[in-house]
Amino acid sequence: MRRRDRPAPYPERAATRQGIAVGIATAAYGVSFGALAVAAGLDVWQACVLSLLMFTGGSQFALVGVLASGGVAAGPAAVASAVLLGSRNAAYGMRMKPLVGGNGWLRDAAAAWITIDESTAVALAQDDPAAARRGFWVTGTVVYVGWNLTTLAGALIGDLLGDTRAYGLDAAAAAAFLGLLWPRLKSHQTIAVAGAAAVLAAALTPAVAPGVPVIAAALVAVVVGVTNWLGPRHPSGNGGVA
């Protein structure tokens, strides 16, 4: 008889640890969002509702950033920026559907809700399918719970924190992403994609609306994938790429 309490295989334990680490690092930055949302003119409850229902940090920051610079009159532009930046989650959903979908509508809805940068990154960093699923659920759950708690804390504390970037919270999530990305840079193709995407995003950031650099950087991966630039070549009947 199979023991229900036996330890999970090592890849799953490793994915759990990664998910918790990335989740905590990302959730910590929710303090910054809560404080900035209140500074932009939102009430505490409005900031919390954004985290509960929108739950995509990039879109949330884009929304309050535009509101802070233009007030209520900038509402349409703020919403457009948030939608533009959040559209990348649709691509994540298509990628994650075969991995975590097909287990009932309630579970699929939960998976869609936590399909974000962090849960997708941790899942795709795993080589084992079971570990990928574990990483996805652990990361998404930790980020969701932690992000909402820290949003509330940041909104309540508000201006008492001052500029929360001084605490390095914005760098914590980026450092966690870099830690996940670095071991994956094993081929010329992945290095080229990462480098080109970073350069393009950095070049566009000062010149275009929030959200555009992220989407443009993602298109680099699409173009490289379609053309198979620097990828392995497989023999076929016409000498092309299989």
Protein backbone atom coordinates (compact mmCIF):
# COMPACT_ATOMS: atom_id res chain seq x y z
CA MET A 1 0.00 0.00 0.00
CA ARG A 2 1.30 3.41 -0.92
CA ARG A 3 2.13 5.57 2.09
CA ARG A 4 0.39 8.92 1.97
CA ASP A 5 2.87 10.56 4.32
CA ARG A 6 6.05 9.67 2.50
CA PRO A 7 8.32 12.62 1.66
CA ALA A 8 7.93 14.29 -1.72
CA PRO A 9 10.64 13.53 -4.31
CA TYR A 10 13.64 15.85 -4.28
CA PRO A 11 12.67 17.87 -7.41
CA GLU A 12 9.33 18.71 -5.83
CA ARG A 13 10.96 19.71 -2.55
CA ALA A 14 13.37 21.93 -4.45
CA ALA A 15 10.49 23.51 -6.37
CA THR A 16 8.68 24.15 -3.09
CA ARG A 17 11.71 25.91 -1.64
CA GLN A 18 12.11 28.02 -4.77
CA GLY A 19 8.43 28.90 -4.77
CA ILE A 20 8.49 30.01 -1.15
CA ALA A 21 11.66 32.06 -1.63
CA VAL A 22 10.40 33.82 -4.77
CA GLY A 23 6.97 34.29 -3.22
CA ILE A 24 8.30 35.96 -0.10
CA ALA A 25 10.66 38.20 -2.06
CA THR A 26 7.85 39.31 -4.35
CA ALA A 27 5.26 39.72 -1.61
CA ALA A 28 7.58 42.03 0.30
CA TYR A 29 7.33 44.54 -2.52
CA GLY A 30 3.56 44.74 -1.94
CA VAL A 31 4.34 47.15 0.89
CA SER A 32 5.61 49.56 -1.73
CA PHE A 33 2.46 49.21 -3.81
CA GLY A 34 0.19 49.84 -0.83
CA ALA A 35 2.10 52.98 0.13
CA LEU A 36 2.25 54.30 -3.43
CA ALA A 37 -1.44 53.60 -4.02
CA VAL A 38 -2.43 55.69 -1.01
CA ALA A 39 0.01 58.42 -2.05
CA ALA A 40 -1.64 58.43 -5.51
CA GLY A 41 -5.00 59.22 -3.93
CA LEU A 42 -6.57 55.79 -3.44
CA ASP A 43 -8.19 54.76 -0.18
CA VAL A 44 -6.86 51.83 1.80
CA TRP A 45 -9.76 49.63 0.71
CA GLN A 46 -9.26 50.60 -2.95
CA ALA A 47 -5.61 49.61 -2.79
CA CYS A 48 -6.55 46.28 -1.20
CA VAL A 49 -9.27 45.56 -3.77
CA LEU A 50 -6.76 46.13 -6.57
CA SER A 51 -4.46 43.50 -5.09
CA LEU A 52 -7.31 41.09 -4.44
CA LEU A 53 -8.92 41.33 -7.87
CA MET A 54 -6.30 42.62 -10.31
CA PHE A 55 -3.37 40.73 -8.76
CA THR A 56 -0.67 41.53 -11.26
CA GLY A 57 1.98 43.74 -9.77
CA GLY A 58 3.18 45.36 -12.98
CA SER A 59 -0.33 46.43 -13.95
CA GLN A 60 -1.05 47.68 -10.45
CA PHE A 61 2.07 49.83 -10.38
CA ALA A 62 1.32 51.12 -13.88
CA LEU A 63 -2.18 52.08 -12.79
CA VAL A 64 -1.20 53.99 -9.65
CA GLY A 65 1.83 55.50 -11.37
CA VAL A 66 -0.29 57.11 -14.08
CA LEU A 67 -2.91 58.18 -11.53
CA ALA A 68 -0.21 59.77 -9.39
CA SER A 69 1.07 61.83 -12.31
CA GLY A 70 -2.28 62.86 -13.78
CA GLY A 71 -4.94 62.43 -11.10
CA VAL A 72 -8.48 61.23 -11.82
CA ALA A 73 -8.36 62.78 -15.31
CA ALA A 74 -5.65 60.26 -16.19
CA GLY A 75 -7.97 57.35 -15.36
CA PRO A 76 -8.44 56.10 -18.94
CA ALA A 77 -4.70 56.22 -19.62
CA ALA A 78 -4.03 54.45 -16.32
CA VAL A 79 -6.46 51.65 -17.19
CA ALA A 80 -5.02 51.31 -20.69
CA SER A 81 -1.47 51.03 -19.31
CA ALA A 82 -2.56 48.40 -16.79
CA VAL A 83 -4.36 46.35 -19.45
CA LEU A 84 -1.40 46.60 -21.82
CA LEU A 85 1.03 45.36 -19.22
CA GLY A 86 -1.34 42.67 -17.96
CA SER A 87 -1.85 41.24 -21.43
CA ARG A 88 1.34 39.24 -21.07
CA ASN A 89 -0.47 36.99 -18.61
CA ALA A 90 -2.55 35.66 -21.51
CA ALA A 91 0.64 34.31 -23.08
CA TYR A 92 1.63 32.79 -19.74
CA GLY A 93 -1.79 31.13 -19.55
CA MET A 94 -1.37 29.46 -22.93
CA ARG A 95 2.02 28.15 -21.86
CA MET A 96 0.85 26.89 -18.47
CA LYS A 97 -2.51 25.38 -19.55
CA PRO A 98 -1.06 21.99 -20.62
CA LEU A 99 0.84 21.76 -17.35
CA VAL A 100 -1.73 22.75 -14.72
CA GLY A 101 -5.07 22.76 -16.57
CA GLY A 102 -7.71 20.12 -17.18
CA ASN A 103 -8.54 19.36 -13.53
CA GLY A 104 -12.01 20.86 -13.29
CA TRP A 105 -13.28 24.40 -13.79
CA LEU A 106 -12.66 25.46 -10.18
CA ARG A 107 -9.01 24.40 -10.24
CA ASP A 108 -8.57 25.91 -13.70
CA ALA A 109 -10.01 29.21 -12.47
CA ALA A 110 -7.63 29.18 -9.50
CA ALA A 111 -4.70 28.45 -11.82
CA ALA A 112 -5.68 31.34 -14.10
CA TRP A 113 -5.89 33.66 -11.09
CA ILE A 114 -2.31 32.96 -10.00
CA THR A 115 -0.75 32.76 -13.46
CA ILE A 116 1.73 35.59 -13.05
CA ASP A 117 5.39 36.27 -13.77
CA GLU A 118 6.64 34.54 -10.65
CA SER A 119 4.55 31.36 -10.74
CA THR A 120 5.30 30.90 -14.45
CA ALA A 121 9.02 31.50 -13.97
CA VAL A 122 9.35 29.01 -11.12
CA ALA A 123 7.32 26.39 -12.99
CA LEU A 124 9.37 26.71 -16.17
CA ALA A 125 12.61 26.55 -14.20
CA GLN A 126 11.86 22.91 -13.30
CA ASP A 127 12.81 19.94 -15.44
CA ASP A 128 10.30 17.55 -13.86
CA PRO A 129 6.56 18.06 -14.68
CA ALA A 130 5.45 17.25 -11.13
CA ALA A 131 8.00 19.69 -9.74
CA ALA A 132 6.84 22.33 -12.22
CA ARG A 133 3.26 21.97 -11.03
CA ARG A 134 4.37 22.12 -7.40
CA GLY A 135 6.44 25.24 -8.06
CA PHE A 136 3.56 26.92 -9.86
CA TRP A 137 1.02 26.37 -7.09
CA VAL A 138 3.35 27.11 -4.21
CA THR A 139 4.68 30.30 -5.77
CA GLY A 140 1.29 31.60 -6.85
CA THR A 141 -0.29 30.90 -3.47
CA VAL A 142 2.55 32.45 -1.44
CA VAL A 143 2.62 35.54 -3.64
CA TYR A 144 -1.16 36.00 -3.55
CA VAL A 145 -1.49 35.70 0.22
CA GLY A 146 1.66 37.65 0.97
CA TRP A 147 1.01 40.37 -1.62
CA ASN A 148 -2.42 41.12 -0.20
CA LEU A 149 -1.15 41.23 3.37
CA THR A 150 1.72 43.54 2.53
CA THR A 151 -0.52 45.74 0.38
CA LEU A 152 -2.72 46.28 3.43
CA ALA A 153 0.32 46.97 5.60
CA GLY A 154 1.77 49.44 3.10
CA ALA A 155 -1.54 51.23 2.64
CA LEU A 156 -2.02 51.59 6.39
CA ILE A 157 1.50 52.83 6.99
CA GLY A 158 1.36 55.04 3.90
CA ASP A 159 3.65 58.03 3.89
CA LEU A 160 5.34 56.99 7.13
CA LEU A 161 7.53 54.66 5.08
CA GLY A 162 8.74 57.37 2.74
CA ASP A 163 10.26 56.04 -0.48
CA THR A 164 10.04 52.26 -0.03
CA ARG A 165 12.61 51.73 -2.78
CA ALA A 166 15.20 52.87 -0.23
CA TYR A 167 14.69 49.55 1.56
CA GLY A 168 15.61 47.58 -1.54
CA LEU A 169 12.21 45.89 -1.82
CA ASP A 170 12.05 46.60 -5.53
CA ALA A 171 15.36 44.81 -6.03
CA ALA A 172 14.32 41.71 -4.06
CA ALA A 173 11.93 40.41 -6.72
CA ALA A 174 14.37 41.22 -9.53
CA ALA A 175 17.13 39.35 -7.70
CA ALA A 176 14.86 36.34 -7.27
CA PHE A 177 14.09 36.34 -11.00
CA LEU A 178 17.78 36.57 -11.85
CA GLY A 179 18.48 33.63 -9.59
CA LEU A 180 15.93 31.56 -11.51
CA LEU A 181 17.08 32.74 -14.91
CA TRP A 182 20.83 32.29 -14.49
CA PRO A 183 20.92 28.46 -14.43
CA ARG A 184 18.79 28.37 -17.61
CA LEU A 185 21.35 30.29 -19.68
CA LYS A 186 23.06 27.20 -21.01
CA SER A 187 22.87 27.71 -24.77
CA HIS A 188 23.70 30.45 -27.26
CA GLN A 189 20.00 30.82 -28.03
CA THR A 190 18.85 31.43 -24.45
CA ILE A 191 21.71 33.86 -23.83
CA ALA A 192 20.85 35.75 -27.03
CA VAL A 193 17.16 35.94 -26.09
CA ALA A 194 17.87 37.18 -22.56
CA GLY A 195 20.43 39.74 -23.72
CA ALA A 196 18.38 41.11 -26.62
CA ALA A 197 15.21 41.31 -24.52
CA ALA A 198 17.01 43.16 -21.73
CA VAL A 199 18.60 45.66 -24.12
CA LEU A 200 15.31 46.30 -25.94
CA ALA A 201 13.33 46.77 -22.71
CA ALA A 202 15.95 49.14 -21.29
CA ALA A 203 16.01 51.19 -24.50
CA LEU A 204 12.22 51.50 -24.70
CA THR A 205 11.51 52.24 -21.04
CA PRO A 206 12.22 56.01 -21.16
CA ALA A 207 10.41 56.48 -24.47
CA VAL A 208 7.15 54.50 -24.41
CA ALA A 209 4.15 53.89 -22.18
CA PRO A 210 4.42 51.52 -19.20
CA GLY A 211 3.93 47.92 -20.26
CA VAL A 212 5.22 48.30 -23.80
CA PRO A 213 8.86 47.40 -22.94
CA VAL A 214 7.78 44.12 -21.30
CA ILE A 215 5.65 43.10 -24.27
CA ALA A 216 8.35 44.13 -26.74
CA ALA A 217 10.90 42.07 -24.83
CA ALA A 218 8.57 39.08 -24.93
CA LEU A 219 8.30 39.45 -28.71
CA VAL A 220 12.05 38.85 -28.91
CA ALA A 221 11.48 35.32 -27.61
CA VAL A 222 8.61 34.84 -30.07
CA VAL A 223 10.73 35.93 -33.03
CA VAL A 224 13.67 33.75 -31.97
CA GLY A 225 11.35 30.79 -31.43
CA VAL A 226 9.70 31.15 -34.85
CA THR A 227 12.98 31.59 -36.72
CA ASN A 228 14.90 29.14 -34.51
CA TRP A 229 17.78 31.61 -34.55
CA LEU A 230 20.87 30.04 -32.95
CA GLY A 231 18.77 26.96 -32.11
CA PRO A 232 19.56 23.32 -32.90
CA ARG A 233 19.07 22.34 -36.53
CA HIS A 234 17.36 19.09 -37.37
CA PRO A 235 17.74 17.36 -40.71
CA SER A 236 14.62 17.17 -42.84
CA GLY A 237 13.73 16.22 -46.32
CA ASN A 238 14.34 19.68 -47.79
CA GLY A 239 17.31 20.49 -45.63
CA GLY A 240 15.35 22.97 -43.57
CA VAL A 241 14.37 23.08 -39.94
CA ALA A 242 12.13 20.27 -38.77
